[in-house]
Amino acid sequence: MKREDIRCSSKADKEAVYLRINTLWQLGLPVPVKCHRSGFPAVTVDCGEEHIITDILSLEQGWQTLPAEMKQRMTQ
């Protein structure tokens, strides 16, 4: 599988991708996040047809913008 590398993308572009992944997650698809072979802070996220390489720092920042009830559901 080929992953889209969004590490150097703008914040707005990253947020758009994270929103698409969040929508898929809300539909019940799993969202595994794994360390990328290039090392910290790069991670891979695979959800449905979305396959990306991003940095954990911007992913964490995107996580902070999610409503609290979504976070609670994700960690259960």
N, C-alpha and C. Protein backbone atom coordinates (compact mmCIF):
# COMPACT_ATOMS: atom_id res chain seq x y z
N MET A 1 0.84 -1.18 0.00
CA MET A 1 0.00 0.00 0.00
C MET A 1 0.88 1.23 0.00
N LYS A 2 0.45 2.24 -0.72
CA LYS A 2 1.18 3.50 -0.78
C LYS A 2 0.52 4.50 0.16
N ARG A 3 1.33 5.12 1.00
CA ARG A 3 0.82 6.10 1.95
C ARG A 3 1.17 7.51 1.47
N GLU A 4 0.23 8.42 1.67
CA GLU A 4 0.46 9.82 1.35
C GLU A 4 1.25 10.45 2.49
N ASP A 5 2.37 11.06 2.18
CA ASP A 5 3.20 11.70 3.20
C ASP A 5 2.74 13.14 3.37
N ILE A 6 2.11 13.42 4.50
CA ILE A 6 1.59 14.77 4.74
C ILE A 6 2.41 15.53 5.79
N ARG A 7 3.58 15.03 6.11
CA ARG A 7 4.39 15.67 7.16
C ARG A 7 4.73 17.12 6.84
N CYS A 8 4.93 17.44 5.56
CA CYS A 8 5.28 18.82 5.19
C CYS A 8 4.09 19.61 4.67
N SER A 9 2.91 19.05 4.76
CA SER A 9 1.71 19.74 4.31
C SER A 9 1.34 20.86 5.27
N SER A 10 0.53 21.77 4.80
CA SER A 10 0.09 22.87 5.66
C SER A 10 -0.83 22.34 6.76
N LYS A 11 -0.99 23.14 7.77
CA LYS A 11 -1.86 22.76 8.89
C LYS A 11 -3.28 22.52 8.38
N ALA A 12 -3.76 23.38 7.49
CA ALA A 12 -5.12 23.24 6.96
C ALA A 12 -5.27 21.93 6.18
N ASP A 13 -4.26 21.59 5.38
CA ASP A 13 -4.32 20.34 4.61
C ASP A 13 -4.32 19.12 5.55
N LYS A 14 -3.49 19.17 6.59
CA LYS A 14 -3.45 18.07 7.56
C LYS A 14 -4.80 17.94 8.25
N GLU A 15 -5.38 19.07 8.67
CA GLU A 15 -6.67 19.02 9.35
C GLU A 15 -7.75 18.42 8.46
N ALA A 16 -7.70 18.69 7.16
CA ALA A 16 -8.68 18.13 6.23
C ALA A 16 -8.55 16.60 6.17
N VAL A 17 -7.32 16.11 6.16
CA VAL A 17 -7.09 14.66 6.15
C VAL A 17 -7.55 14.06 7.47
N TYR A 18 -7.21 14.69 8.59
CA TYR A 18 -7.62 14.19 9.90
C TYR A 18 -9.14 14.16 10.02
N LEU A 19 -9.81 15.14 9.43
CA LEU A 19 -11.27 15.17 9.46
C LEU A 19 -11.85 14.00 8.67
N ARG A 20 -11.27 13.69 7.50
CA ARG A 20 -11.73 12.53 6.73
C ARG A 20 -11.54 11.25 7.52
N ILE A 21 -10.41 11.12 8.19
CA ILE A 21 -10.14 9.92 9.00
C ILE A 21 -11.12 9.86 10.17
N ASN A 22 -11.38 10.99 10.80
CA ASN A 22 -12.32 11.01 11.91
C ASN A 22 -13.71 10.59 11.45
N THR A 23 -14.11 11.01 10.27
CA THR A 23 -15.42 10.61 9.72
C THR A 23 -15.49 9.10 9.53
N LEU A 24 -14.42 8.51 9.00
CA LEU A 24 -14.38 7.06 8.82
C LEU A 24 -14.42 6.35 10.18
N TRP A 25 -13.70 6.91 11.15
CA TRP A 25 -13.70 6.32 12.50
C TRP A 25 -15.11 6.35 13.08
N GLN A 26 -15.83 7.45 12.88
CA GLN A 26 -17.20 7.55 13.38
C GLN A 26 -18.12 6.52 12.74
N LEU A 27 -17.76 6.08 11.53
CA LEU A 27 -18.53 5.03 10.85
C LEU A 27 -18.17 3.64 11.37
N GLY A 28 -17.20 3.56 12.28
CA GLY A 28 -16.85 2.30 12.90
C GLY A 28 -15.56 1.65 12.40
N LEU A 29 -14.83 2.32 11.52
CA LEU A 29 -13.58 1.75 11.03
C LEU A 29 -12.47 1.94 12.07
N PRO A 30 -11.60 0.95 12.23
CA PRO A 30 -10.48 1.11 13.16
C PRO A 30 -9.45 2.10 12.60
N VAL A 31 -8.73 2.75 13.50
CA VAL A 31 -7.71 3.73 13.10
C VAL A 31 -6.39 3.39 13.79
N PRO A 32 -5.67 2.39 13.28
CA PRO A 32 -4.39 2.07 13.91
C PRO A 32 -3.32 3.13 13.59
N VAL A 33 -2.59 3.52 14.62
CA VAL A 33 -1.49 4.47 14.49
C VAL A 33 -0.24 3.73 14.92
N LYS A 34 0.76 3.70 14.03
CA LYS A 34 2.00 2.98 14.32
C LYS A 34 3.21 3.85 14.02
N CYS A 35 4.30 3.58 14.70
CA CYS A 35 5.55 4.28 14.43
C CYS A 35 6.00 3.97 13.01
N HIS A 36 6.45 5.00 12.30
CA HIS A 36 6.97 4.81 10.94
C HIS A 36 8.43 4.39 11.03
N ARG A 37 8.88 3.63 10.06
CA ARG A 37 10.25 3.11 10.11
C ARG A 37 11.31 4.21 10.11
N SER A 38 10.95 5.43 9.69
CA SER A 38 11.92 6.53 9.69
C SER A 38 12.17 7.06 11.10
N GLY A 39 11.32 6.66 12.03
CA GLY A 39 11.53 7.05 13.43
C GLY A 39 10.68 8.20 13.90
N PHE A 40 10.79 8.48 15.19
CA PHE A 40 10.04 9.54 15.83
C PHE A 40 10.36 10.88 15.17
N PRO A 41 9.39 11.73 14.95
CA PRO A 41 8.00 11.68 15.35
C PRO A 41 7.06 11.17 14.26
N ALA A 42 7.59 10.48 13.24
CA ALA A 42 6.75 10.03 12.13
C ALA A 42 5.90 8.81 12.52
N VAL A 43 4.62 8.84 12.14
CA VAL A 43 3.72 7.72 12.38
C VAL A 43 2.91 7.45 11.11
N THR A 44 2.41 6.22 11.03
CA THR A 44 1.50 5.88 9.95
C THR A 44 0.09 5.76 10.52
N VAL A 45 -0.87 6.14 9.71
CA VAL A 45 -2.27 6.02 10.07
C VAL A 45 -2.97 5.38 8.88
N ASP A 46 -3.67 4.29 9.13
CA ASP A 46 -4.37 3.57 8.08
C ASP A 46 -5.83 3.39 8.50
N CYS A 47 -6.72 3.95 7.70
CA CYS A 47 -8.15 3.87 8.02
C CYS A 47 -8.92 3.84 6.71
N GLY A 48 -9.56 2.73 6.42
CA GLY A 48 -10.30 2.62 5.17
C GLY A 48 -9.37 2.84 4.00
N GLU A 49 -9.71 3.81 3.16
CA GLU A 49 -8.88 4.14 2.00
C GLU A 49 -7.85 5.24 2.30
N GLU A 50 -7.83 5.71 3.52
CA GLU A 50 -6.88 6.75 3.94
C GLU A 50 -5.64 6.08 4.51
N HIS A 51 -4.51 6.30 3.89
CA HIS A 51 -3.22 5.75 4.33
C HIS A 51 -2.21 6.90 4.30
N ILE A 52 -1.77 7.33 5.48
CA ILE A 52 -0.90 8.50 5.54
C ILE A 52 0.32 8.26 6.42
N ILE A 53 1.31 9.09 6.17
CA ILE A 53 2.45 9.26 7.07
C ILE A 53 2.34 10.69 7.56
N THR A 54 2.36 10.86 8.85
CA THR A 54 2.27 12.20 9.43
C THR A 54 3.19 12.26 10.64
N ASP A 55 3.19 13.39 11.31
CA ASP A 55 3.99 13.50 12.53
C ASP A 55 3.05 13.44 13.72
N ILE A 56 3.50 12.78 14.75
CA ILE A 56 2.67 12.58 15.94
C ILE A 56 2.31 13.91 16.60
N LEU A 57 3.14 14.92 16.43
CA LEU A 57 2.89 16.20 17.07
C LEU A 57 1.66 16.88 16.47
N SER A 58 1.54 16.90 15.14
CA SER A 58 0.35 17.51 14.55
C SER A 58 -0.87 16.63 14.75
N LEU A 59 -0.66 15.32 14.79
CA LEU A 59 -1.77 14.41 15.07
C LEU A 59 -2.31 14.65 16.48
N GLU A 60 -1.41 14.84 17.42
CA GLU A 60 -1.80 15.14 18.80
C GLU A 60 -2.53 16.48 18.85
N GLN A 61 -2.06 17.46 18.11
CA GLN A 61 -2.71 18.76 18.08
C GLN A 61 -4.13 18.62 17.51
N GLY A 62 -4.29 17.81 16.47
CA GLY A 62 -5.61 17.56 15.92
C GLY A 62 -6.50 16.85 16.93
N TRP A 63 -5.91 15.94 17.70
CA TRP A 63 -6.65 15.21 18.75
C TRP A 63 -7.22 16.18 19.77
N GLN A 64 -6.47 17.21 20.10
CA GLN A 64 -6.90 18.18 21.10
C GLN A 64 -8.14 18.95 20.67
N THR A 65 -8.39 19.03 19.37
CA THR A 65 -9.55 19.78 18.89
C THR A 65 -10.81 18.94 18.84
N LEU A 66 -10.69 17.61 19.05
CA LEU A 66 -11.88 16.76 19.05
C LEU A 66 -12.70 16.98 20.31
N PRO A 67 -14.02 16.91 20.19
CA PRO A 67 -14.85 17.01 21.39
C PRO A 67 -14.54 15.91 22.39
N ALA A 68 -14.73 16.18 23.66
CA ALA A 68 -14.39 15.26 24.75
C ALA A 68 -15.10 13.91 24.60
N GLU A 69 -16.36 13.89 24.14
CA GLU A 69 -17.08 12.62 24.04
C GLU A 69 -16.46 11.72 22.97
N MET A 70 -15.89 12.30 21.92
CA MET A 70 -15.21 11.48 20.91
C MET A 70 -13.96 10.85 21.49
N LYS A 71 -13.20 11.63 22.24
CA LYS A 71 -11.98 11.12 22.85
C LYS A 71 -12.30 9.96 23.79
N GLN A 72 -13.37 10.12 24.57
CA GLN A 72 -13.74 9.08 25.53
C GLN A 72 -14.10 7.79 24.78
N ARG A 73 -14.85 7.89 23.70
CA ARG A 73 -15.22 6.72 22.91
C ARG A 73 -13.99 6.05 22.31
N MET A 74 -13.00 6.84 21.89
CA MET A 74 -11.81 6.29 21.24
C MET A 74 -10.94 5.52 22.23
N THR A 75 -10.95 5.91 23.48
CA THR A 75 -10.06 5.28 24.44
C THR A 75 -10.71 4.12 25.17
N GLN A 76 -11.96 3.83 24.90
CA GLN A 76 -12.64 2.72 25.59
C GLN A 76 -12.43 1.42 24.85
